[in-house]
């Protein structure tokens, strides 16, 4: 397994159909995060780009996930293989009160 950073680009003009797909898209992203396929998911404040860190075998596998995005018809993307991706969440796991 490798790690990949994906930069997703949104068009300047977004229609109402795009907005209606966001809840379904977020559900799919949450599923991939629960499965450990997505590590991080960040949206630029101007909503022009999105950055996602994936765990995957290769770029082809990432393409399959992206092709299942409900918003796939509205985006373009680039995939960047990573040497590593550090996160403070890895260093400091959440505490369970149980």
PDB file of N, CA and C in Angstrom:
ATOM      1  N   UNK A   1       0.829  -1.184   0.000  1.00  0.00           N
ATOM      2  CA  UNK A   1       0.000   0.000   0.000  1.00  0.00           C
ATOM      3  C   UNK A   1       0.869   1.241   0.000  1.00  0.00           C
ATOM      4  N   UNK A   2       0.453   2.229  -0.741  1.00  0.00           N
ATOM      5  CA  UNK A   2       1.136   3.508  -0.752  1.00  0.00           C
ATOM      6  C   UNK A   2       0.184   4.621  -0.369  1.00  0.00           C
ATOM      7  N   UNK A   3       0.746   5.797  -0.209  1.00  0.00           N
ATOM      8  CA  UNK A   3      -0.077   6.964   0.072  1.00  0.00           C
ATOM      9  C   UNK A   3       0.018   7.922  -1.109  1.00  0.00           C
ATOM     10  N   UNK A   4      -1.100   8.558  -1.409  1.00  0.00           N
ATOM     11  CA  UNK A   4      -1.201   9.455  -2.548  1.00  0.00           C
ATOM     12  C   UNK A   4      -2.000  10.685  -2.135  1.00  0.00           C
ATOM     13  N   UNK A   5      -1.534  11.848  -2.579  1.00  0.00           N
ATOM     14  CA  UNK A   5      -2.286  13.078  -2.389  1.00  0.00           C
ATOM     15  C   UNK A   5      -2.992  13.380  -3.709  1.00  0.00           C
ATOM     16  N   UNK A   6      -4.268  13.595  -3.625  1.00  0.00           N
ATOM     17  CA  UNK A   6      -5.059  13.920  -4.809  1.00  0.00           C
ATOM     18  C   UNK A   6      -5.542  15.358  -4.676  1.00  0.00           C
ATOM     19  N   UNK A   7      -5.264  16.143  -5.702  1.00  0.00           N
ATOM     20  CA  UNK A   7      -5.794  17.501  -5.780  1.00  0.00           C
ATOM     21  C   UNK A   7      -6.966  17.468  -6.746  1.00  0.00           C
ATOM     22  N   UNK A   8      -8.113  17.887  -6.267  1.00  0.00           N
ATOM     23  CA  UNK A   8      -9.330  17.924  -7.079  1.00  0.00           C
ATOM     24  C   UNK A   8      -9.656  19.379  -7.366  1.00  0.00           C
ATOM     25  N   UNK A   9      -9.984  19.648  -8.614  1.00  0.00           N
ATOM     26  CA  UNK A   9     -10.304  21.007  -9.049  1.00  0.00           C
ATOM     27  C   UNK A   9     -11.783  21.075  -9.411  1.00  0.00           C
ATOM     28  N   UNK A  10     -12.431  22.127  -8.919  1.00  0.00           N
ATOM     29  CA  UNK A  10     -13.845  22.359  -9.208  1.00  0.00           C
ATOM     30  C   UNK A  10     -13.981  23.441 -10.270  1.00  0.00           C
ATOM     31  N   UNK A  11     -15.040  23.379 -11.077  1.00  0.00           N
ATOM     32  CA  UNK A  11     -15.282  24.449 -12.048  1.00  0.00           C
ATOM     33  C   UNK A  11     -15.704  25.734 -11.336  1.00  0.00           C
ATOM     34  N   UNK A  12     -15.531  26.857 -12.002  1.00  0.00           N
ATOM     35  CA  UNK A  12     -15.927  28.135 -11.399  1.00  0.00           C
ATOM     36  C   UNK A  12     -17.439  28.233 -11.238  1.00  0.00           C
ATOM     37  N   UNK A  13     -18.166  27.722 -12.213  1.00  0.00           N
ATOM     38  CA  UNK A  13     -19.627  27.791 -12.180  1.00  0.00           C
ATOM     39  C   UNK A  13     -20.194  26.447 -11.728  1.00  0.00           C
ATOM     40  N   UNK A  14     -20.805  26.455 -10.573  1.00  0.00           N
ATOM     41  CA  UNK A  14     -21.413  25.252 -10.007  1.00  0.00           C
ATOM     42  C   UNK A  14     -22.926  25.424 -10.073  1.00  0.00           C
ATOM     43  N   UNK A  15     -23.623  24.393 -10.548  1.00  0.00           N
ATOM     44  CA  UNK A  15     -25.081  24.503 -10.647  1.00  0.00           C
ATOM     45  C   UNK A  15     -25.773  23.838  -9.449  1.00  0.00           C
ATOM     46  N   UNK A  16     -27.095  23.931  -9.433  1.00  0.00           N
ATOM     47  CA  UNK A  16     -27.877  23.373  -8.323  1.00  0.00           C
ATOM     48  C   UNK A  16     -27.760  21.865  -8.246  1.00  0.00           C
ATOM     49  N   UNK A  17     -27.578  21.209  -9.382  1.00  0.00           N
ATOM     50  CA  UNK A  17     -27.429  19.756  -9.377  1.00  0.00           C
ATOM     51  C   UNK A  17     -26.185  19.346  -8.589  1.00  0.00           C
ATOM     52  N   UNK A  18     -25.101  20.088  -8.762  1.00  0.00           N
ATOM     53  CA  UNK A  18     -23.881  19.809  -8.008  1.00  0.00           C
ATOM     54  C   UNK A  18     -24.173  19.885  -6.511  1.00  0.00           C
ATOM     55  N   UNK A  19     -24.818  20.956  -6.093  1.00  0.00           N
ATOM     56  CA  UNK A  19     -25.151  21.133  -4.672  1.00  0.00           C
ATOM     57  C   UNK A  19     -25.996  19.978  -4.141  1.00  0.00           C
ATOM     58  N   UNK A  20     -26.887  19.460  -4.963  1.00  0.00           N
ATOM     59  CA  UNK A  20     -27.752  18.366  -4.519  1.00  0.00           C
ATOM     60  C   UNK A  20     -26.979  17.055  -4.337  1.00  0.00           C
ATOM     61  N   UNK A  21     -25.811  16.937  -4.960  1.00  0.00           N
ATOM     62  CA  UNK A  21     -24.994  15.724  -4.858  1.00  0.00           C
ATOM     63  C   UNK A  21     -24.077  15.709  -3.632  1.00  0.00           C
ATOM     64  N   UNK A  22     -23.918  16.853  -2.986  1.00  0.00           N
ATOM     65  CA  UNK A  22     -22.962  16.957  -1.879  1.00  0.00           C
ATOM     66  C   UNK A  22     -23.278  16.000  -0.720  1.00  0.00           C
ATOM     67  N   UNK A  23     -24.519  15.880  -0.254  1.00  0.00           N
ATOM     68  CA  UNK A  23     -24.767  14.933   0.851  1.00  0.00           C
ATOM     69  C   UNK A  23     -24.389  13.486   0.510  1.00  0.00           C
ATOM     70  N   UNK A  24     -24.717  13.049  -0.687  1.00  0.00           N
ATOM     71  CA  UNK A  24     -24.352  11.687  -1.115  1.00  0.00           C
ATOM     72  C   UNK A  24     -22.828  11.543  -1.222  1.00  0.00           C
ATOM     73  N   UNK A  25     -22.187  12.580  -1.727  1.00  0.00           N
ATOM     74  CA  UNK A  25     -20.721  12.572  -1.826  1.00  0.00           C
ATOM     75  C   UNK A  25     -20.086  12.479  -0.444  1.00  0.00           C
ATOM     76  N   UNK A  26     -20.570  13.268   0.499  1.00  0.00           N
ATOM     77  CA  UNK A  26     -20.022  13.238   1.861  1.00  0.00           C
ATOM     78  C   UNK A  26     -20.211  11.860   2.509  1.00  0.00           C
ATOM     79  N   UNK A  27     -21.347  11.221   2.258  1.00  0.00           N
ATOM     80  CA  UNK A  27     -21.573   9.864   2.774  1.00  0.00           C
ATOM     81  C   UNK A  27     -20.535   8.894   2.214  1.00  0.00           C
ATOM     82  N   UNK A  28     -20.234   9.020   0.924  1.00  0.00           N
ATOM     83  CA  UNK A  28     -19.238   8.146   0.294  1.00  0.00           C
ATOM     84  C   UNK A  28     -17.843   8.413   0.874  1.00  0.00           C
ATOM     85  N   UNK A  29     -17.505   9.679   1.064  1.00  0.00           N
ATOM     86  CA  UNK A  29     -16.205  10.035   1.658  1.00  0.00           C
ATOM     87  C   UNK A  29     -16.123   9.473   3.072  1.00  0.00           C
ATOM     88  N   UNK A  30     -17.187   9.620   3.857  1.00  0.00           N
ATOM     89  CA  UNK A  30     -17.203   9.081   5.222  1.00  0.00           C
ATOM     90  C   UNK A  30     -16.994   7.569   5.221  1.00  0.00           C
ATOM     91  N   UNK A  31     -17.594   6.860   4.267  1.00  0.00           N
ATOM     92  CA  UNK A  31     -17.415   5.419   4.146  1.00  0.00           C
ATOM     93  C   UNK A  31     -15.947   5.079   3.877  1.00  0.00           C
ATOM     94  N   UNK A  32     -15.329   5.807   2.932  1.00  0.00           N
ATOM     95  CA  UNK A  32     -13.922   5.553   2.602  1.00  0.00           C
ATOM     96  C   UNK A  32     -13.006   5.884   3.778  1.00  0.00           C
ATOM     97  N   UNK A  33     -13.364   6.897   4.558  1.00  0.00           N
ATOM     98  CA  UNK A  33     -12.568   7.237   5.738  1.00  0.00           C
ATOM     99  C   UNK A  33     -12.704   6.136   6.794  1.00  0.00           C
ATOM    100  N   UNK A  34     -13.898   5.629   6.985  1.00  0.00           N
ATOM    101  CA  UNK A  34     -14.134   4.554   7.951  1.00  0.00           C
ATOM    102  C   UNK A  34     -13.341   3.300   7.584  1.00  0.00           C
ATOM    103  N   UNK A  35     -13.213   3.038   6.294  1.00  0.00           N
ATOM    104  CA  UNK A  35     -12.472   1.869   5.820  1.00  0.00           C
ATOM    105  C   UNK A  35     -10.960   2.089   5.802  1.00  0.00           C
ATOM    106  N   UNK A  36     -10.512   3.316   6.099  1.00  0.00           N
ATOM    107  CA  UNK A  36      -9.084   3.606   6.100  1.00  0.00           C
ATOM    108  C   UNK A  36      -8.504   3.865   4.717  1.00  0.00           C
ATOM    109  N   UNK A  37      -9.359   4.050   3.736  1.00  0.00           N
ATOM    110  CA  UNK A  37      -8.909   4.327   2.368  1.00  0.00           C
ATOM    111  C   UNK A  37      -8.532   5.795   2.225  1.00  0.00           C
ATOM    112  N   UNK A  38      -9.277   6.666   2.892  1.00  0.00           N
ATOM    113  CA  UNK A  38      -8.966   8.097   2.917  1.00  0.00           C
ATOM    114  C   UNK A  38      -8.474   8.457   4.311  1.00  0.00           C
ATOM    115  N   UNK A  39      -7.320   9.143   4.361  1.00  0.00           N
ATOM    116  CA  UNK A  39      -6.761   9.618   5.638  1.00  0.00           C
ATOM    117  C   UNK A  39      -7.226  11.019   5.972  1.00  0.00           C
ATOM    118  N   UNK A  40      -7.126  11.907   5.005  1.00  0.00           N
ATOM    119  CA  UNK A  40      -7.485  13.309   5.225  1.00  0.00           C
ATOM    120  C   UNK A  40      -8.269  13.836   4.037  1.00  0.00           C
ATOM    121  N   UNK A  41      -9.087  14.849   4.322  1.00  0.00           N
ATOM    122  CA  UNK A  41      -9.984  15.431   3.323  1.00  0.00           C
ATOM    123  C   UNK A  41     -10.095  16.911   3.644  1.00  0.00           C
ATOM    124  N   UNK A  42      -9.587  17.772   2.768  1.00  0.00           N
ATOM    125  CA  UNK A  42      -9.532  19.215   3.050  1.00  0.00           C
ATOM    126  C   UNK A  42     -10.040  20.015   1.857  1.00  0.00           C
ATOM    127  N   UNK A  43     -10.880  21.001   2.144  1.00  0.00           N
ATOM    128  CA  UNK A  43     -11.445  21.878   1.117  1.00  0.00           C
ATOM    129  C   UNK A  43     -10.879  23.284   1.278  1.00  0.00           C
ATOM    130  N   UNK A  44     -10.429  23.869   0.174  1.00  0.00           N
ATOM    131  CA  UNK A  44      -9.936  25.245   0.198  1.00  0.00           C
ATOM    132  C   UNK A  44     -11.067  26.193   0.582  1.00  0.00           C
ATOM    133  N   UNK A  45     -10.719  27.272   1.264  1.00  0.00           N
ATOM    134  CA  UNK A  45     -11.748  28.209   1.743  1.00  0.00           C
ATOM    135  C   UNK A  45     -12.535  28.849   0.594  1.00  0.00           C
ATOM    136  N   UNK A  46     -11.914  28.961  -0.580  1.00  0.00           N
ATOM    137  CA  UNK A  46     -12.642  29.521  -1.727  1.00  0.00           C
ATOM    138  C   UNK A  46     -13.396  28.447  -2.521  1.00  0.00           C
ATOM    139  N   UNK A  47     -13.346  27.211  -2.028  1.00  0.00           N
ATOM    140  CA  UNK A  47     -14.051  26.066  -2.625  1.00  0.00           C
ATOM    141  C   UNK A  47     -13.629  25.766  -4.059  1.00  0.00           C
ATOM    142  N   UNK A  48     -12.397  26.115  -4.391  1.00  0.00           N
ATOM    143  CA  UNK A  48     -11.906  25.857  -5.744  1.00  0.00           C
ATOM    144  C   UNK A  48     -11.166  24.529  -5.848  1.00  0.00           C
ATOM    145  N   UNK A  49     -10.621  24.049  -4.722  1.00  0.00           N
ATOM    146  CA  UNK A  49      -9.835  22.816  -4.724  1.00  0.00           C
ATOM    147  C   UNK A  49     -10.125  21.997  -3.473  1.00  0.00           C
ATOM    148  N   UNK A  50      -9.848  20.723  -3.620  1.00  0.00           N
ATOM    149  CA  UNK A  50     -10.014  19.769  -2.540  1.00  0.00           C
ATOM    150  C   UNK A  50      -8.762  18.910  -2.518  1.00  0.00           C
ATOM    151  N   UNK A  51      -8.266  18.583  -1.308  1.00  0.00           N
ATOM    152  CA  UNK A  51      -7.094  17.723  -1.193  1.00  0.00           C
ATOM    153  C   UNK A  51      -7.479  16.495  -0.383  1.00  0.00           C
ATOM    154  N   UNK A  52      -7.154  15.328  -0.932  1.00  0.00           N
ATOM    155  CA  UNK A  52      -7.481  14.071  -0.274  1.00  0.00           C
ATOM    156  C   UNK A  52      -6.234  13.207  -0.229  1.00  0.00           C
ATOM    157  N   UNK A  53      -5.926  12.659   0.945  1.00  0.00           N
ATOM    158  CA  UNK A  53      -4.828  11.715   1.085  1.00  0.00           C
ATOM    159  C   UNK A  53      -5.417  10.307   1.114  1.00  0.00           C
ATOM    160  N   UNK A  54      -5.045   9.505   0.118  1.00  0.00           N
ATOM    161  CA  UNK A  54      -5.534   8.137  -0.033  1.00  0.00           C
ATOM    162  C   UNK A  54      -4.475   7.118   0.364  1.00  0.00           C
ATOM    163  N   UNK A  55      -4.904   5.986   0.880  1.00  0.00           N
ATOM    164  CA  UNK A  55      -4.096   4.775   0.990  1.00  0.00           C
ATOM    165  C   UNK A  55      -4.566   3.866  -0.137  1.00  0.00           C
ATOM    166  N   UNK A  56      -3.656   3.485  -1.031  1.00  0.00           N
ATOM    167  CA  UNK A  56      -4.051   2.649  -2.161  1.00  0.00           C
ATOM    168  C   UNK A  56      -2.838   1.921  -2.726  1.00  0.00           C
ATOM    169  N   UNK A  57      -3.097   0.911  -3.533  1.00  0.00           N
ATOM    170  CA  UNK A  57      -2.021   0.153  -4.179  1.00  0.00           C
ATOM    171  C   UNK A  57      -1.346   0.984  -5.262  1.00  0.00           C
ATOM    172  N   UNK A  58      -2.166   1.721  -6.027  1.00  0.00           N
ATOM    173  CA  UNK A  58      -1.640   2.467  -7.168  1.00  0.00           C
ATOM    174  C   UNK A  58      -2.648   3.531  -7.612  1.00  0.00           C
ATOM    175  N   UNK A  59      -2.252   4.308  -8.593  1.00  0.00           N
ATOM    176  CA  UNK A  59      -3.102   5.394  -9.087  1.00  0.00           C
ATOM    177  C   UNK A  59      -4.377   4.878  -9.748  1.00  0.00           C
ATOM    178  N   UNK A  60      -4.292   3.705 -10.355  1.00  0.00           N
ATOM    179  CA  UNK A  60      -5.477   3.124 -10.996  1.00  0.00           C
ATOM    180  C   UNK A  60      -6.575   2.849  -9.963  1.00  0.00           C
ATOM    181  N   UNK A  61      -6.172   2.345  -8.793  1.00  0.00           N
ATOM    182  CA  UNK A  61      -7.133   2.078  -7.733  1.00  0.00           C
ATOM    183  C   UNK A  61      -7.800   3.376  -7.266  1.00  0.00           C
ATOM    184  N   UNK A  62      -7.015   4.434  -7.147  1.00  0.00           N
ATOM    185  CA  UNK A  62      -7.573   5.734  -6.751  1.00  0.00           C
ATOM    186  C   UNK A  62      -8.575   6.219  -7.789  1.00  0.00           C
ATOM    187  N   UNK A  63      -8.242   6.033  -9.060  1.00  0.00           N
ATOM    188  CA  UNK A  63      -9.161   6.415 -10.132  1.00  0.00           C
ATOM    189  C   UNK A  63     -10.508   5.732 -10.007  1.00  0.00           C
ATOM    190  N   UNK A  64     -10.496   4.469  -9.573  1.00  0.00           N
ATOM    191  CA  UNK A  64     -11.764   3.744  -9.381  1.00  0.00           C
ATOM    192  C   UNK A  64     -12.596   4.385  -8.274  1.00  0.00           C
ATOM    193  N   UNK A  65     -11.929   4.774  -7.175  1.00  0.00           N
ATOM    194  CA  UNK A  65     -12.670   5.445  -6.098  1.00  0.00           C
ATOM    195  C   UNK A  65     -13.234   6.775  -6.573  1.00  0.00           C
ATOM    196  N   UNK A  66     -12.427   7.551  -7.270  1.00  0.00           N
ATOM    197  CA  UNK A  66     -12.874   8.869  -7.735  1.00  0.00           C
ATOM    198  C   UNK A  66     -14.008   8.731  -8.749  1.00  0.00           C
ATOM    199  N   UNK A  67     -13.955   7.698  -9.580  1.00  0.00           N
ATOM    200  CA  UNK A  67     -15.038   7.486 -10.547  1.00  0.00           C
ATOM    201  C   UNK A  67     -16.347   7.112  -9.876  1.00  0.00           C
ATOM    202  N   UNK A  68     -16.300   6.759  -8.606  1.00  0.00           N
ATOM    203  CA  UNK A  68     -17.525   6.496  -7.838  1.00  0.00           C
ATOM    204  C   UNK A  68     -18.018   7.723  -7.071  1.00  0.00           C
ATOM    205  N   UNK A  69     -17.265   8.820  -7.123  1.00  0.00           N
ATOM    206  CA  UNK A  69     -17.720  10.048  -6.475  1.00  0.00           C
ATOM    207  C   UNK A  69     -19.007  10.514  -7.143  1.00  0.00           C
ATOM    208  N   UNK A  70     -20.038  10.829  -6.385  1.00  0.00           N
ATOM    209  CA  UNK A  70     -21.252  11.385  -6.991  1.00  0.00           C
ATOM    210  C   UNK A  70     -20.984  12.673  -7.779  1.00  0.00           C
ATOM    211  N   UNK A  71     -19.945  13.422  -7.426  1.00  0.00           N
ATOM    212  CA  UNK A  71     -19.632  14.697  -8.100  1.00  0.00           C
ATOM    213  C   UNK A  71     -18.639  14.522  -9.254  1.00  0.00           C
ATOM    214  N   UNK A  72     -18.363  13.291  -9.660  1.00  0.00           N
ATOM    215  CA  UNK A  72     -17.298  13.001 -10.631  1.00  0.00           C
ATOM    216  C   UNK A  72     -17.423  13.778 -11.945  1.00  0.00           C
ATOM    217  N   UNK A  73     -18.629  14.068 -12.369  1.00  0.00           N
ATOM    218  CA  UNK A  73     -18.824  14.773 -13.647  1.00  0.00           C
ATOM    219  C   UNK A  73     -18.435  16.248 -13.577  1.00  0.00           C
ATOM    220  N   UNK A  74     -18.180  16.746 -12.382  1.00  0.00           N
ATOM    221  CA  UNK A  74     -17.875  18.163 -12.197  1.00  0.00           C
ATOM    222  C   UNK A  74     -16.402  18.436 -11.898  1.00  0.00           C
ATOM    223  N   UNK A  75     -15.590  17.415 -11.798  1.00  0.00           N
ATOM    224  CA  UNK A  75     -14.230  17.622 -11.302  1.00  0.00           C
ATOM    225  C   UNK A  75     -13.173  17.158 -12.287  1.00  0.00           C
ATOM    226  N   UNK A  76     -11.979  17.703 -12.100  1.00  0.00           N
ATOM    227  CA  UNK A  76     -10.761  17.166 -12.690  1.00  0.00           C
ATOM    228  C   UNK A  76      -9.811  16.950 -11.515  1.00  0.00           C
ATOM    229  N   UNK A  77      -8.781  16.128 -11.719  1.00  0.00           N
ATOM    230  CA  UNK A  77      -7.896  15.841 -10.595  1.00  0.00           C
ATOM    231  C   UNK A  77      -6.496  15.459 -11.054  1.00  0.00           C
ATOM    232  N   UNK A  78      -5.575  15.574 -10.107  1.00  0.00           N
ATOM    233  CA  UNK A  78      -4.194  15.130 -10.269  1.00  0.00           C
ATOM    234  C   UNK A  78      -3.844  14.253  -9.076  1.00  0.00           C
ATOM    235  N   UNK A  79      -3.049  13.221  -9.328  1.00  0.00           N
ATOM    236  CA  UNK A  79      -2.624  12.307  -8.273  1.00  0.00           C
ATOM    237  C   UNK A  79      -1.118  12.431  -8.087  1.00  0.00           C
ATOM    238  N   UNK A  80      -0.693  12.558  -6.823  1.00  0.00           N
ATOM    239  CA  UNK A  80       0.723  12.698  -6.494  1.00  0.00           C
ATOM    240  C   UNK A  80       1.119  11.595  -5.512  1.00  0.00           C
ATOM    241  N   UNK A  81       2.025  10.683  -5.896  1.00  0.00           N
ATOM    242  CA  UNK A  81       2.511   9.683  -4.942  1.00  0.00           C
ATOM    243  C   UNK A  81       3.292  10.372  -3.819  1.00  0.00           C
ATOM    244  N   UNK A  82       3.108   9.908  -2.593  1.00  0.00           N
ATOM    245  CA  UNK A  82       3.779  10.499  -1.439  1.00  0.00           C
ATOM    246  C   UNK A  82       4.838   9.539  -0.889  1.00  0.00           C
ATOM    247  N   UNK A  83       5.908  10.103  -0.385  1.00  0.00           N
ATOM    248  CA  UNK A  83       6.889   9.317   0.350  1.00  0.00           C
ATOM    249  C   UNK A  83       6.335   9.016   1.740  1.00  0.00           C
ATOM    250  N   UNK A  84       5.694  10.027   2.351  1.00  0.00           N
ATOM    251  CA  UNK A  84       4.999   9.846   3.627  1.00  0.00           C
ATOM    252  C   UNK A  84       4.008  10.980   3.813  1.00  0.00           C
ATOM    253  N   UNK A  85       3.106  10.761   4.755  1.00  0.00           N
ATOM    254  CA  UNK A  85       2.105  11.769   5.116  1.00  0.00           C
ATOM    255  C   UNK A  85       1.925  11.698   6.629  1.00  0.00           C
ATOM    256  N   UNK A  86       2.434  12.678   7.330  1.00  0.00           N
ATOM    257  CA  UNK A  86       2.312  12.700   8.790  1.00  0.00           C
ATOM    258  C   UNK A  86       1.080  13.478   9.206  1.00  0.00           C
ATOM    259  N   UNK A  87       0.522  13.063  10.326  1.00  0.00           N
ATOM    260  CA  UNK A  87      -0.638  13.732  10.891  1.00  0.00           C
ATOM    261  C   UNK A  87      -0.542  13.658  12.403  1.00  0.00           C
ATOM    262  N   UNK A  88      -0.934  14.706  13.084  1.00  0.00           N
ATOM    263  CA  UNK A  88      -0.909  14.680  14.543  1.00  0.00           C
ATOM    264  C   UNK A  88      -1.878  13.644  15.096  1.00  0.00           C
ATOM    265  N   UNK A  89      -2.894  13.279  14.334  1.00  0.00           N
ATOM    266  CA  UNK A  89      -3.846  12.267  14.784  1.00  0.00           C
ATOM    267  C   UNK A  89      -3.171  10.911  14.949  1.00  0.00           C
ATOM    268  N   UNK A  90      -2.147  10.658  14.167  1.00  0.00           N
ATOM    269  CA  UNK A  90      -1.401   9.408  14.290  1.00  0.00           C
ATOM    270  C   UNK A  90      -0.576   9.423  15.573  1.00  0.00           C
ATOM    271  N   UNK A  91      -0.004  10.574  15.887  1.00  0.00           N
ATOM    272  CA  UNK A  91       0.841  10.688  17.065  1.00  0.00           C
ATOM    273  C   UNK A  91       0.048  10.690  18.361  1.00  0.00           C
ATOM    274  N   UNK A  92      -1.147  11.264  18.323  1.00  0.00           N
ATOM    275  CA  UNK A  92      -1.965  11.403  19.519  1.00  0.00           C
ATOM    276  C   UNK A  92      -3.345  10.802  19.278  1.00  0.00           C
ATOM    277  N   UNK A  93      -3.493   9.482  19.468  1.00  0.00           N
ATOM    278  CA  UNK A  93      -4.796   8.868  19.217  1.00  0.00           C
ATOM    279  C   UNK A  93      -5.859   9.399  20.179  1.00  0.00           C
ATOM    280  N   UNK A  94      -7.104   9.319  19.744  1.00  0.00           N
ATOM    281  CA  UNK A  94      -8.193   9.811  20.587  1.00  0.00           C
ATOM    282  C   UNK A  94      -8.341   8.927  21.827  1.00  0.00           C
ATOM    283  N   UNK A  95      -8.783   9.531  22.901  1.00  0.00           N
ATOM    284  CA  UNK A  95      -8.938   8.841  24.169  1.00  0.00           C
ATOM    285  C   UNK A  95     -10.349   8.300  24.275  1.00  0.00           C
ATOM    286  N   UNK A  96     -10.459   7.054  24.683  1.00  0.00           N
ATOM    287  CA  UNK A  96     -11.769   6.427  24.905  1.00  0.00           C
ATOM    288  C   UNK A  96     -12.060   6.441  26.398  1.00  0.00           C
ATOM    289  N   UNK A  97     -13.227   6.917  26.778  1.00  0.00           N
ATOM    290  CA  UNK A  97     -13.612   6.968  28.188  1.00  0.00           C
ATOM    291  C   UNK A  97     -14.275   5.686  28.655  1.00  0.00           C
ATOM    292  N   UNK A  98     -14.323   4.684  27.816  1.00  0.00           N
ATOM    293  CA  UNK A  98     -14.944   3.394  28.196  1.00  0.00           C
ATOM    294  C   UNK A  98     -13.954   2.513  28.914  1.00  0.00           C
TER     295      UNK A  98
END
